[in-house]
């Protein structure tokens, strides 16, 4: 019986069609900035909570609901892209604090690709 030699490269999870569309085939209509803690909760293990309106620090650009936007950390680095549930005006005014700005299935983490 011979020795096992070589290197194993485990397969990475493949992004689904919606994630590929958000990542490669969309143009950002605006940007929202969130805290480092929110970034960690979105990018961490089992992150499926979505992005609450109360977590949005600032809004850049003018956009309607269901627009694709960039999600940036406090330093202005884009780490995710998603479709917002609120317009830029309602996010800036935080008029719907108890609602989600981005649903759990409507964003993709860009660092993973």
Protein backbone atom coordinates (compact mmCIF):
# COMPACT_ATOMS: atom_id res chain seq x y z
CA UNK A 1 0.00 0.00 0.00
CA UNK A 2 1.46 3.34 -1.07
CA UNK A 3 1.59 6.65 0.74
CA UNK A 4 -1.04 9.26 0.05
CA UNK A 5 0.62 12.15 -1.75
CA UNK A 6 -0.64 15.30 -3.31
CA UNK A 7 -2.67 18.31 -2.29
CA UNK A 8 -6.40 18.39 -1.72
CA UNK A 9 -8.24 21.50 -2.91
CA UNK A 10 -11.77 21.37 -1.46
CA UNK A 11 -14.52 22.84 -3.61
CA UNK A 12 -15.80 26.27 -2.64
CA UNK A 13 -19.50 27.00 -2.52
CA UNK A 14 -20.70 28.32 -5.86
CA UNK A 15 -22.77 31.53 -5.77
CA UNK A 16 -26.36 31.15 -6.94
CA UNK A 17 -27.79 33.01 -9.96
CA UNK A 18 -29.12 35.92 -7.89
CA UNK A 19 -25.74 36.40 -6.18
CA UNK A 20 -23.88 36.32 -9.51
CA UNK A 21 -26.35 38.83 -10.96
CA UNK A 22 -25.90 41.21 -8.00
CA UNK A 23 -22.12 40.87 -8.15
CA UNK A 24 -21.38 41.10 -11.86
CA UNK A 25 -24.38 42.42 -13.81
CA UNK A 26 -25.64 45.39 -11.83
CA UNK A 27 -24.71 49.05 -11.45
CA UNK A 28 -24.94 50.66 -8.03
CA UNK A 29 -27.58 53.38 -7.75
CA UNK A 30 -26.20 54.60 -4.42
CA UNK A 31 -24.35 53.65 -1.26
CA UNK A 32 -25.11 53.04 2.38
CA UNK A 33 -22.53 52.98 5.15
CA UNK A 34 -22.74 50.72 8.21
CA UNK A 35 -20.67 50.16 11.37
CA UNK A 36 -17.98 47.52 11.76
CA UNK A 37 -20.26 45.54 14.08
CA UNK A 38 -22.97 45.40 11.40
CA UNK A 39 -20.38 44.34 8.81
CA UNK A 40 -19.27 41.51 11.08
CA UNK A 41 -22.85 40.38 11.64
CA UNK A 42 -23.55 40.36 7.88
CA UNK A 43 -20.33 38.57 6.95
CA UNK A 44 -20.15 36.21 9.93
CA UNK A 45 -21.15 32.58 10.17
CA UNK A 46 -24.90 32.05 9.88
CA UNK A 47 -25.54 35.66 8.89
CA UNK A 48 -29.09 35.63 7.59
CA UNK A 49 -30.71 38.49 9.48
CA UNK A 50 -30.62 41.18 6.86
CA UNK A 51 -29.73 44.82 7.38
CA UNK A 52 -32.04 46.87 9.63
CA UNK A 53 -32.73 50.53 8.83
CA UNK A 54 -31.44 51.50 12.28
CA UNK A 55 -27.97 50.13 11.33
CA UNK A 56 -27.51 52.57 8.42
CA UNK A 57 -25.02 55.33 9.33
CA UNK A 58 -25.26 57.35 6.13
CA UNK A 59 -26.81 57.31 2.67
CA UNK A 60 -25.15 58.52 -0.54
CA UNK A 61 -27.03 59.04 -3.79
CA UNK A 62 -30.70 59.11 -4.70
CA UNK A 63 -32.45 55.81 -5.28
CA UNK A 64 -35.86 54.16 -5.07
CA UNK A 65 -36.79 50.98 -3.26
CA UNK A 66 -35.61 47.77 -4.98
CA UNK A 67 -32.53 49.59 -6.34
CA UNK A 68 -29.12 47.92 -6.20
CA UNK A 69 -26.77 49.71 -3.82
CA UNK A 70 -23.26 49.26 -2.44
CA UNK A 71 -22.91 48.48 1.26
CA UNK A 72 -19.76 50.03 2.74
CA UNK A 73 -18.03 49.78 6.09
CA UNK A 74 -17.10 52.83 8.18
CA UNK A 75 -13.94 53.37 6.12
CA UNK A 76 -15.85 53.52 2.83
CA UNK A 77 -14.79 50.09 1.55
CA UNK A 78 -17.55 48.26 -0.33
CA UNK A 79 -17.95 44.77 1.14
CA UNK A 80 -21.42 43.87 -0.10
CA UNK A 81 -24.05 44.73 -2.67
CA UNK A 82 -27.79 44.43 -2.28
CA UNK A 83 -31.29 45.56 -3.19
CA UNK A 84 -32.80 48.03 -0.75
CA UNK A 85 -36.34 47.85 0.55
CA UNK A 86 -36.53 51.60 1.22
CA UNK A 87 -35.81 54.69 -0.85
CA UNK A 88 -32.76 56.83 -0.10
CA UNK A 89 -35.03 59.48 1.40
CA UNK A 90 -36.69 57.14 3.89
CA UNK A 91 -33.33 55.59 4.82
CA UNK A 92 -31.77 59.00 5.41
CA UNK A 93 -34.74 60.07 7.55
CA UNK A 94 -34.91 56.64 9.24
CA UNK A 95 -38.67 56.83 8.88
CA UNK A 96 -39.11 53.03 9.06
CA UNK A 97 -36.67 52.10 11.84
CA UNK A 98 -38.37 48.79 12.64
CA UNK A 99 -38.03 47.49 9.05
CA UNK A 100 -35.17 45.99 7.06
CA UNK A 101 -33.14 48.13 4.69
CA UNK A 102 -31.92 44.98 2.88
CA UNK A 103 -33.58 41.57 3.17
CA UNK A 104 -31.43 38.52 4.04
CA UNK A 105 -31.71 37.07 0.53
CA UNK A 106 -31.20 40.37 -1.29
CA UNK A 107 -27.50 40.97 -0.68
CA UNK A 108 -24.21 39.31 -1.55
CA UNK A 109 -20.88 39.59 0.26
CA UNK A 110 -18.24 40.60 -2.28
CA UNK A 111 -15.23 39.38 -0.26
CA UNK A 112 -16.30 35.78 -0.82
CA UNK A 113 -15.69 35.91 -4.59
